[in-house]
């Protein structure tokens, strides 16, 4: 149990570039998928499929897809940023802003950044990943009596977490990429031949980081969000 807790504590998002010349062994990818297979899902519906992309030609095709900054993301992302490690340690929530462009961190320049429509490519997000997993689900199905299929979405989160923990246990870098489910989804589905009724939930980049991540990770103290018997009462 202690070993599992250590893995949970050390799990992190690998935002640094991966070594494109160091492929992820197929046996390890299978272990990551196996962990996802046993994730709890609402009513055991298992409403997900996983596409493994490790062919360089396909990865290049995906990487060439044009992307544009999301105004909504830039604005809402700003609200979660701390500009110094001292500030982040005090807040205990959010992330350090140094990993984002300077104009995304400056409230005065924020609206200028929002209006900037300079295109990028999906390769900037994928960062030389030798393997990408794309998790899709059938939009024709939903968990019973689940408005907006909230339980189905929760289930997909469980799949992600199981795979993430297994990847970390195998010393494989893992980063979830929500951009695949955004405006680029149509282009991604065309390249990967995904049926129209299937939607992309998220994608994952797997690989071996070329540098060690050095960003500060914080969490609230458990006492700050745990109550005994009634909300607000100390446990």
Protein backbone atom coordinates (compact mmCIF):
# COMPACT_ATOMS: atom_id res chain seq x y z
CA UNK A 1 0.00 0.00 0.00
CA UNK A 2 2.87 2.37 0.81
CA UNK A 3 4.40 1.70 -2.63
CA UNK A 4 1.10 2.60 -4.31
CA UNK A 5 0.86 5.81 -2.31
CA UNK A 6 4.42 6.72 -3.36
CA UNK A 7 3.46 6.27 -7.02
CA UNK A 8 0.39 8.46 -6.50
CA UNK A 9 2.50 11.14 -4.78
CA UNK A 10 5.14 11.18 -7.52
CA UNK A 11 2.79 11.01 -10.52
CA UNK A 12 3.09 14.18 -12.56
CA UNK A 13 2.45 15.65 -15.99
CA UNK A 14 5.53 15.42 -18.23
CA UNK A 15 5.35 18.72 -20.11
CA UNK A 16 8.94 18.58 -21.37
CA UNK A 17 9.94 17.25 -24.84
CA UNK A 18 10.44 13.50 -25.25
CA UNK A 19 13.27 11.69 -27.03
CA UNK A 20 11.84 10.85 -30.49
CA UNK A 21 14.60 8.27 -31.02
CA UNK A 22 13.64 6.26 -27.93
CA UNK A 23 10.41 4.37 -28.60
CA UNK A 24 8.16 3.14 -25.82
CA UNK A 25 8.30 -0.69 -25.78
CA UNK A 26 5.09 -2.30 -26.99
CA UNK A 27 4.98 -4.50 -23.89
CA UNK A 28 4.89 -1.38 -21.69
CA UNK A 29 2.20 0.29 -23.81
CA UNK A 30 0.15 -2.89 -23.37
CA UNK A 31 0.58 -2.67 -19.58
CA UNK A 32 -0.64 0.94 -19.64
CA UNK A 33 -3.67 -0.08 -21.70
CA UNK A 34 -4.30 -3.04 -19.39
CA UNK A 35 -4.40 -0.64 -16.44
CA UNK A 36 -6.98 1.45 -18.34
CA UNK A 37 -8.99 -1.68 -19.14
CA UNK A 38 -9.57 -2.31 -15.44
CA UNK A 39 -10.65 1.22 -14.61
CA UNK A 40 -14.09 1.54 -13.01
CA UNK A 41 -16.73 2.77 -15.44
CA UNK A 42 -20.39 3.65 -14.87
CA UNK A 43 -22.52 0.48 -15.02
CA UNK A 44 -19.39 -1.27 -16.34
CA UNK A 45 -20.23 0.21 -19.76
CA UNK A 46 -16.54 0.48 -20.71
CA UNK A 47 -17.50 3.11 -23.27
CA UNK A 48 -14.05 3.82 -24.65
CA UNK A 49 -11.66 2.76 -27.40
CA UNK A 50 -7.92 3.49 -27.56
CA UNK A 51 -5.91 4.20 -30.70
CA UNK A 52 -2.15 3.67 -30.35
CA UNK A 53 -0.14 5.86 -32.73
CA UNK A 54 3.55 4.97 -33.04
CA UNK A 55 4.02 5.24 -36.81
CA UNK A 56 6.19 8.29 -37.49
CA UNK A 57 4.31 9.12 -40.68
CA UNK A 58 1.01 9.26 -38.83
CA UNK A 59 2.57 11.23 -35.97
CA UNK A 60 3.90 13.74 -38.52
CA UNK A 61 0.47 14.03 -40.12
CA UNK A 62 -1.07 14.82 -36.75
CA UNK A 63 1.75 17.21 -35.91
CA UNK A 64 1.09 19.22 -39.07
CA UNK A 65 -2.50 20.02 -38.06
CA UNK A 66 -2.94 23.76 -37.61
CA UNK A 67 -4.00 25.00 -34.19
CA UNK A 68 -5.02 28.38 -32.80
CA UNK A 69 -4.79 29.63 -29.20
CA UNK A 70 -8.10 29.36 -27.35
CA UNK A 71 -9.18 32.77 -25.95
CA UNK A 72 -11.20 30.99 -23.28
CA UNK A 73 -8.19 28.91 -22.25
CA UNK A 74 -5.85 31.92 -22.11
CA UNK A 75 -8.22 33.93 -19.91
CA UNK A 76 -9.20 31.12 -17.54
CA UNK A 77 -5.66 29.75 -17.41
CA UNK A 78 -4.44 33.15 -16.16
CA UNK A 79 -6.71 32.87 -13.10
CA UNK A 80 -4.92 29.67 -12.05
CA UNK A 81 -1.37 31.01 -12.32
CA UNK A 82 1.14 31.92 -9.64
CA UNK A 83 4.03 34.07 -10.81
CA UNK A 84 6.55 32.91 -8.18
CA UNK A 85 7.21 29.69 -6.29
CA UNK A 86 6.56 31.56 -3.02
CA UNK A 87 3.08 32.53 -4.24
CA UNK A 88 2.35 28.98 -5.41
CA UNK A 89 3.43 27.52 -2.07
CA UNK A 90 1.07 29.91 -0.31
CA UNK A 91 -1.90 29.18 -2.59
CA UNK A 92 -1.30 25.40 -2.71
CA UNK A 93 -3.48 25.25 -5.84
CA UNK A 94 -2.88 26.11 -9.49
CA UNK A 95 0.38 26.08 -11.43
CA UNK A 96 3.51 28.16 -11.90
CA UNK A 97 3.10 30.65 -14.73
CA UNK A 98 6.71 30.56 -15.92
CA UNK A 99 5.94 27.71 -18.30
CA UNK A 100 3.62 29.96 -20.36
CA UNK A 101 4.43 32.82 -22.78
CA UNK A 102 5.14 36.18 -21.02
CA UNK A 103 2.03 37.81 -22.49
CA UNK A 104 -0.14 35.05 -20.98
CA UNK A 105 1.19 36.01 -17.55
CA UNK A 106 0.71 39.77 -17.83
CA UNK A 107 -2.81 40.99 -17.07
CA UNK A 108 -2.19 44.17 -19.06
CA UNK A 109 -1.15 42.21 -22.16
CA UNK A 110 -3.64 39.39 -21.70
CA UNK A 111 -6.32 40.73 -24.06
CA UNK A 112 -3.68 41.34 -26.72
CA UNK A 113 -2.65 37.69 -26.41
CA UNK A 114 -6.31 36.63 -26.62
CA UNK A 115 -6.73 38.50 -29.91
CA UNK A 116 -3.52 37.11 -31.37
CA UNK A 117 -4.55 34.57 -34.01
CA UNK A 118 -1.05 33.42 -34.93
CA UNK A 119 -1.44 29.77 -35.89
CA UNK A 120 0.61 26.95 -34.43
CA UNK A 121 0.72 23.22 -35.04
CA UNK A 122 -0.19 20.17 -33.03
CA UNK A 123 3.50 19.20 -33.05
CA UNK A 124 4.12 21.99 -30.53
CA UNK A 125 1.87 20.17 -28.08
CA UNK A 126 3.09 16.67 -28.95
CA UNK A 127 6.75 17.66 -28.46
CA UNK A 128 8.47 14.78 -30.27
CA UNK A 129 6.40 12.06 -28.60
CA UNK A 130 7.25 8.62 -30.04
CA UNK A 131 3.84 7.29 -28.98
CA UNK A 132 0.44 8.94 -28.67
CA UNK A 133 -2.74 7.35 -27.34
CA UNK A 134 -6.09 8.75 -28.44
CA UNK A 135 -9.05 7.79 -26.25
CA UNK A 136 -12.46 7.97 -27.93
CA UNK A 137 -16.01 7.17 -26.83
CA UNK A 138 -19.33 6.38 -28.52
CA UNK A 139 -21.58 9.46 -28.39
CA UNK A 140 -24.65 7.26 -29.04
CA UNK A 141 -24.34 5.79 -25.54
CA UNK A 142 -24.60 7.27 -22.05
CA UNK A 143 -24.71 6.01 -18.49
CA UNK A 144 -28.33 5.43 -17.35
CA UNK A 145 -30.12 8.61 -16.19
CA UNK A 146 -26.86 10.59 -16.30
CA UNK A 147 -27.64 14.12 -17.47
CA UNK A 148 -25.00 15.16 -19.99
CA UNK A 149 -23.39 11.75 -19.40
CA UNK A 150 -21.54 13.10 -16.37
CA UNK A 151 -20.93 9.55 -15.15
CA UNK A 152 -19.51 8.60 -18.53
CA UNK A 153 -17.08 11.53 -18.38
CA UNK A 154 -16.11 10.53 -14.85
CA UNK A 155 -15.45 7.01 -16.12
CA UNK A 156 -13.10 8.31 -18.82
CA UNK A 157 -11.23 10.20 -16.10
CA UNK A 158 -10.78 6.92 -14.23
CA UNK A 159 -9.33 5.34 -17.38
CA UNK A 160 -6.87 8.23 -17.67
CA UNK A 161 -5.78 7.98 -14.03
CA UNK A 162 -5.21 4.22 -14.18
CA UNK A 163 -3.05 4.57 -17.28
CA UNK A 164 -1.18 7.52 -15.77
CA UNK A 165 -0.25 5.61 -12.61
CA UNK A 166 0.93 2.59 -14.59
CA UNK A 167 3.05 4.79 -16.87
CA UNK A 168 4.67 6.43 -13.86
CA UNK A 169 5.37 3.02 -12.32
CA UNK A 170 7.16 2.11 -15.56
CA UNK A 171 9.16 5.38 -15.59
CA UNK A 172 7.43 6.51 -18.77
CA UNK A 173 6.55 10.17 -19.26
CA UNK A 174 2.82 10.85 -19.55
CA UNK A 175 0.91 14.00 -20.42
CA UNK A 176 -2.82 14.25 -21.13
CA UNK A 177 -3.64 16.51 -24.08
CA UNK A 178 -7.13 18.02 -24.08
CA UNK A 179 -6.41 19.95 -27.30
CA UNK A 180 -7.25 16.81 -29.32
CA UNK A 181 -10.90 17.11 -28.26
CA UNK A 182 -11.08 20.77 -29.32
CA UNK A 183 -11.44 22.39 -32.76
CA UNK A 184 -8.72 20.12 -34.24
CA UNK A 185 -10.87 17.05 -33.55
CA UNK A 186 -12.31 16.99 -37.07
CA UNK A 187 -8.84 16.90 -38.66
CA UNK A 188 -7.58 14.31 -36.18
CA UNK A 189 -10.57 12.05 -36.84
CA UNK A 190 -10.00 12.30 -40.59
CA UNK A 191 -6.36 11.20 -40.32
CA UNK A 192 -7.11 8.39 -37.85
CA UNK A 193 -10.27 7.26 -39.71
CA UNK A 194 -12.40 7.65 -36.58
CA UNK A 195 -16.16 7.20 -37.25
CA UNK A 196 -18.34 10.32 -37.02
CA UNK A 197 -20.31 9.00 -34.02
CA UNK A 198 -17.12 8.53 -31.99
CA UNK A 199 -15.76 11.57 -30.12
CA UNK A 200 -12.27 12.19 -28.79
CA UNK A 201 -12.17 12.43 -25.02
CA UNK A 202 -8.46 13.10 -24.64
CA UNK A 203 -5.07 12.09 -26.01
CA UNK A 204 -1.90 11.09 -24.19
CA UNK A 205 1.71 11.62 -25.14
CA UNK A 206 4.05 8.88 -23.95
CA UNK A 207 7.82 8.86 -24.01
CA UNK A 208 11.07 9.44 -22.20
CA UNK A 209 11.78 13.06 -21.17
CA UNK A 210 15.00 14.60 -22.49
CA UNK A 211 15.21 16.72 -19.32
CA UNK A 212 13.94 16.18 -15.82
CA UNK A 213 10.85 18.22 -14.94
CA UNK A 214 11.78 20.82 -12.35
CA UNK A 215 8.53 22.62 -11.71
CA UNK A 216 7.03 22.92 -8.24
CA UNK A 217 4.07 20.67 -7.41
CA UNK A 218 1.70 21.63 -4.59
CA UNK A 219 -1.39 20.21 -2.89
CA UNK A 220 -3.71 21.45 -0.16
CA UNK A 221 -3.33 19.90 3.29
CA UNK A 222 -5.94 17.17 3.74
CA UNK A 223 -7.18 18.91 6.88
CA UNK A 224 -8.26 21.90 4.75
CA UNK A 225 -10.86 19.91 2.79
CA UNK A 226 -11.80 17.01 5.08
CA UNK A 227 -14.78 17.31 7.43
CA UNK A 228 -16.26 15.03 10.06
CA UNK A 229 -19.93 14.04 9.77
CA UNK A 230 -21.08 17.57 8.82
CA UNK A 231 -19.70 20.07 6.30
CA UNK A 232 -17.33 22.51 7.98
CA UNK A 233 -16.84 20.43 11.12
CA UNK A 234 -13.35 19.26 11.99
CA UNK A 235 -12.72 15.52 11.70
